[in-house]
């Protein structure tokens, strides 16, 4: 098999409410709907994109939906240029994003979508492991307030 034949992997997530999921991903996280399949005037499936990343969502139709959280045990990691800037935007849009911290030489912030899928936005850094954004911002504020000698 030639490796050039495979072009990308796109997570396919089943959702309970397409409307709720589209609101979250488009209005909240900033994705755009690139392709869609509609049934009876409603979106049943879509491919969404954000920068170079993509996701597909499909709403359960008439079959019974699983009990419990759909996203249990699933994490989607989006590698980006500036996870802290994305976090600030998420907070401005009142999304429940975790405070960024450093792990594995990456700033990361975590969210959960309406169906419980765990979403992480990560960006490379040389800041020390386990550092939190509030610690960095507190230090920066103290430096600005410190009298000059």
Protein backbone atom coordinates (compact mmCIF):
# COMPACT_ATOMS: atom_id res chain seq x y z
CA UNK A 1 0.00 0.00 0.00
CA UNK A 2 1.37 3.39 -0.93
CA UNK A 3 1.35 5.82 1.99
CA UNK A 4 0.67 8.77 -0.30
CA UNK A 5 -2.78 7.34 -0.96
CA UNK A 6 -3.91 8.14 2.61
CA UNK A 7 -4.44 11.89 2.97
CA UNK A 8 -5.92 12.60 6.40
CA UNK A 9 -7.73 11.19 9.38
CA UNK A 10 -10.97 12.94 10.29
CA UNK A 11 -12.68 12.03 13.56
CA UNK A 12 -16.34 11.05 13.08
CA UNK A 13 -18.46 11.86 16.13
CA UNK A 14 -22.02 10.71 16.71
CA UNK A 15 -24.11 13.39 18.42
CA UNK A 16 -27.54 13.50 20.03
CA UNK A 17 -28.48 16.99 18.83
CA UNK A 18 -26.95 18.39 15.64
CA UNK A 19 -28.31 21.86 16.40
CA UNK A 20 -26.71 21.94 19.84
CA UNK A 21 -23.43 20.55 18.46
CA UNK A 22 -23.33 22.99 15.54
CA UNK A 23 -23.94 25.91 17.92
CA UNK A 24 -21.06 24.71 20.10
CA UNK A 25 -18.54 23.98 17.35
CA UNK A 26 -19.40 26.87 15.01
CA UNK A 27 -20.43 29.70 17.36
CA UNK A 28 -18.31 28.61 20.31
CA UNK A 29 -15.11 27.14 18.89
CA UNK A 30 -15.07 28.86 15.49
CA UNK A 31 -15.39 25.90 13.10
CA UNK A 32 -17.00 26.40 9.70
CA UNK A 33 -19.28 23.86 8.07
CA UNK A 34 -17.56 22.73 4.85
CA UNK A 35 -20.01 20.02 3.75
CA UNK A 36 -23.44 18.90 4.94
CA UNK A 37 -26.12 16.32 4.34
CA UNK A 38 -29.65 17.47 5.09
CA UNK A 39 -32.74 15.38 5.70
CA UNK A 40 -36.19 16.98 5.99
CA UNK A 41 -34.61 20.43 6.22
CA UNK A 42 -32.22 19.57 9.05
CA UNK A 43 -28.50 18.82 8.99
CA UNK A 44 -27.98 15.10 9.64
CA UNK A 45 -24.23 14.95 8.88
CA UNK A 46 -21.54 17.57 8.37
CA UNK A 47 -17.83 18.05 7.94
CA UNK A 48 -16.47 21.03 9.85
CA UNK A 49 -13.08 22.67 9.56
CA UNK A 50 -10.95 24.93 11.73
CA UNK A 51 -7.62 25.91 10.20
CA UNK A 52 -6.08 22.67 8.94
CA UNK A 53 -8.18 20.44 11.21
CA UNK A 54 -11.50 18.75 10.45
CA UNK A 55 -14.28 16.85 12.22
CA UNK A 56 -17.39 15.07 11.01
CA UNK A 57 -20.58 14.98 13.05
CA UNK A 58 -23.65 12.85 12.49
CA UNK A 59 -26.86 12.94 14.47
CA UNK A 60 -28.50 9.70 15.51
CA UNK A 61 -31.60 9.17 13.38
CA UNK A 62 -34.31 6.75 14.49
CA UNK A 63 -32.11 4.08 16.04
CA UNK A 64 -31.84 4.18 19.83
CA UNK A 65 -28.97 6.29 21.12
CA UNK A 66 -26.48 4.82 23.56
CA UNK A 67 -27.06 5.44 27.25
CA UNK A 68 -24.53 7.61 29.09
CA UNK A 69 -22.00 10.03 27.65
CA UNK A 70 -21.17 9.45 23.99
CA UNK A 71 -17.66 10.86 24.29
CA UNK A 72 -16.57 8.90 27.35
CA UNK A 73 -12.87 8.09 26.99
CA UNK A 74 -12.37 10.04 23.74
CA UNK A 75 -10.07 13.06 23.48
CA UNK A 76 -9.46 15.19 20.41
CA UNK A 77 -6.17 17.11 20.49
CA UNK A 78 -5.89 20.13 18.19
CA UNK A 79 -2.30 21.31 17.79
CA UNK A 80 -2.30 25.05 17.25
CA UNK A 81 0.03 28.04 17.25
CA UNK A 82 -1.31 29.69 20.43
CA UNK A 83 -3.54 27.71 22.79
CA UNK A 84 -3.56 30.57 25.31
CA UNK A 85 -5.05 32.99 22.75
CA UNK A 86 -7.72 30.41 21.92
CA UNK A 87 -8.47 30.00 25.64
CA UNK A 88 -8.94 33.78 25.99
CA UNK A 89 -11.38 33.71 23.06
CA UNK A 90 -13.28 30.74 24.52
CA UNK A 91 -13.63 32.51 27.87
CA UNK A 92 -14.83 35.68 26.12
CA UNK A 93 -17.55 33.54 24.50
CA UNK A 94 -18.37 32.07 27.94
CA UNK A 95 -17.24 28.53 27.16
CA UNK A 96 -16.13 26.31 30.05
CA UNK A 97 -12.45 25.95 29.15
CA UNK A 98 -9.89 24.79 31.71
CA UNK A 99 -7.16 27.18 32.74
CA UNK A 100 -4.19 26.59 30.45
CA UNK A 101 -1.24 24.78 31.94
CA UNK A 102 1.96 23.24 30.63
CA UNK A 103 2.36 19.50 30.15
CA UNK A 104 4.70 17.66 27.78
CA UNK A 105 6.18 21.03 26.68
CA UNK A 106 2.73 22.15 25.51
CA UNK A 107 0.32 24.78 26.75
CA UNK A 108 -3.08 23.10 26.78
CA UNK A 109 -6.67 23.99 27.59
CA UNK A 110 -9.49 21.47 27.76
CA UNK A 111 -13.20 21.69 26.98
CA UNK A 112 -16.04 19.16 26.76
CA UNK A 113 -18.58 19.33 23.96
CA UNK A 114 -22.33 18.79 24.55
CA UNK A 115 -21.95 15.01 24.17
CA UNK A 116 -18.95 14.69 26.47
CA UNK A 117 -16.17 14.49 23.89
CA UNK A 118 -13.00 15.94 25.48
CA UNK A 119 -11.38 18.62 23.32
CA UNK A 120 -7.85 19.89 23.88
CA UNK A 121 -6.10 22.80 22.19
CA UNK A 122 -2.30 22.58 22.54
CA UNK A 123 0.69 24.67 21.49
CA UNK A 124 4.44 24.23 21.97
CA UNK A 125 6.22 26.16 24.72
CA UNK A 126 9.49 26.28 26.61
CA UNK A 127 7.74 27.27 29.86
CA UNK A 128 8.35 24.86 32.77
CA UNK A 129 6.10 21.80 33.19
CA UNK A 130 3.01 22.23 35.42
CA UNK A 131 3.06 26.03 35.08
CA UNK A 132 -0.43 27.56 34.96
CA UNK A 133 -1.46 30.60 32.97
CA UNK A 134 -2.55 32.45 36.12
CA UNK A 135 0.97 32.03 37.54
CA UNK A 136 2.56 33.47 34.40
CA UNK A 137 0.11 36.39 34.30
CA UNK A 138 0.52 37.09 38.03
CA UNK A 139 4.33 37.27 37.60
CA UNK A 140 3.97 39.58 34.59
CA UNK A 141 1.69 41.91 36.60
CA UNK A 142 4.15 42.01 39.51
CA UNK A 143 7.02 42.89 37.15
CA UNK A 144 5.00 45.77 35.67
CA UNK A 145 4.15 47.09 39.14
CA UNK A 146 7.65 46.76 40.59
CA UNK A 147 9.38 50.13 41.13
CA UNK A 148 12.40 50.80 38.98
CA UNK A 149 15.74 51.18 40.72
